[in-house]
Amino acid sequence: MAAVTLMWEARAAAGRGPELLAWARSRTLAPAPDRRETFRAEPDRVLVLTWWPDGTVPTELPDPPPDLLHRPVHRWHFEPVPETPGP
């Protein structure tokens, strides 16, 4: 099970969502994560989630070229929380 999930989210400059999506999809990560998913949303947002095994130093996506962005990239690192049994 992955120990860390990285969330990378960016909003493209107006009308440049397809370019930002293509840019994000073309980035390779070395080492590769256990799992990687890419999403898009209006207006011109791109989200990439990567899952990393315990003990691995996660590789983050870099910042895209500034002219593609509406605002700076947001990044978060999440760790799984065990489910607790209900009462």
Protein backbone atom coordinates (compact mmCIF):
# COMPACT_ATOMS: atom_id res chain seq x y z
CA MET A 1 0.00 0.00 0.00
CA ALA A 2 1.25 3.48 -0.84
CA ALA A 3 2.56 5.52 2.06
CA VAL A 4 2.29 8.96 0.44
CA THR A 5 -0.03 10.48 -2.13
CA LEU A 6 1.07 13.66 -3.89
CA MET A 7 -1.51 16.02 -5.31
CA TRP A 8 -0.40 18.53 -7.95
CA GLU A 9 -3.00 21.03 -9.20
CA ALA A 10 -2.65 23.93 -11.60
CA ARG A 11 -4.98 26.35 -13.31
CA ALA A 12 -4.05 27.29 -16.83
CA ALA A 13 -4.11 30.76 -18.28
CA ALA A 14 -7.46 31.45 -19.97
CA GLY A 15 -8.05 29.07 -22.86
CA ARG A 16 -4.77 27.19 -22.36
CA GLY A 17 -6.16 24.20 -20.47
CA PRO A 18 -5.49 21.72 -23.30
CA GLU A 19 -1.85 22.86 -23.47
CA LEU A 20 -1.40 22.55 -19.71
CA LEU A 21 -2.96 19.08 -19.77
CA ALA A 22 -0.64 17.99 -22.59
CA TRP A 23 2.34 19.44 -20.72
CA ALA A 24 1.48 17.60 -17.48
CA ARG A 25 0.83 14.30 -19.28
CA SER A 26 4.17 14.50 -21.08
CA ARG A 27 6.21 14.78 -17.85
CA THR A 28 7.88 11.57 -16.76
CA LEU A 29 8.78 10.92 -13.16
CA ALA A 30 11.89 8.98 -12.18
CA PRO A 31 11.49 6.87 -10.29
CA ALA A 32 7.96 6.21 -11.43
CA PRO A 33 5.18 6.20 -8.82
CA ASP A 34 3.18 3.07 -8.06
CA ARG A 35 0.15 4.80 -9.55
CA ARG A 36 -0.54 8.05 -11.39
CA GLU A 37 -3.85 9.59 -12.45
CA THR A 38 -4.52 12.83 -14.32
CA PHE A 39 -7.78 14.79 -14.22
CA ARG A 40 -9.14 17.99 -15.71
CA ALA A 41 -11.89 20.37 -14.59
CA GLU A 42 -13.34 23.71 -15.59
CA PRO A 43 -12.07 26.34 -15.82
CA ASP A 44 -8.81 25.04 -17.33
CA ARG A 45 -7.62 23.08 -14.26
CA VAL A 46 -5.33 20.05 -14.28
CA LEU A 47 -4.88 17.67 -11.34
CA VAL A 48 -2.26 14.92 -11.07
CA LEU A 49 -2.29 12.40 -8.22
CA THR A 50 0.64 10.07 -7.63
CA TRP A 51 0.99 7.26 -5.08
CA TRP A 52 4.38 6.31 -3.65
CA PRO A 53 5.49 3.27 -1.64
CA ASP A 54 6.82 3.55 1.88
CA GLY A 55 10.46 4.59 1.99
CA THR A 56 10.50 6.16 -1.48
CA VAL A 57 11.35 9.83 -1.86
CA PRO A 58 8.49 11.05 -4.07
CA THR A 59 9.32 12.85 -7.28
CA GLU A 60 7.15 15.91 -7.86
CA LEU A 61 6.04 17.36 -11.14
CA PRO A 62 7.89 20.60 -11.83
CA ASP A 63 6.24 23.95 -12.42
CA PRO A 64 5.02 24.44 -15.98
CA PRO A 65 6.18 27.40 -18.05
CA PRO A 66 4.80 30.55 -16.40
CA ASP A 67 2.91 31.64 -19.52
CA LEU A 68 0.70 28.51 -19.21
CA LEU A 69 -0.44 29.40 -15.69
CA HIS A 70 -3.25 31.53 -14.28
CA ARG A 71 -1.76 31.20 -10.77
CA PRO A 72 1.02 29.23 -9.05
CA VAL A 73 0.82 25.44 -8.83
CA HIS A 74 -0.65 23.95 -5.63
CA ARG A 75 0.98 20.85 -4.11
CA TRP A 76 -0.03 18.70 -1.17
CA HIS A 77 1.39 15.52 0.35
CA PHE A 78 -1.13 13.17 1.96
CA GLU A 79 -0.59 10.09 4.11
CA PRO A 80 -3.23 7.38 4.51
CA VAL A 81 -5.17 7.26 7.75
CA PRO A 82 -6.37 3.87 8.99
CA GLU A 83 -10.13 3.51 9.13
CA THR A 84 -11.41 3.16 12.67
CA PRO A 85 -14.21 0.74 13.40
CA GLY A 86 -17.58 2.32 14.05
CA PRO A 87 -19.22 2.19 17.49
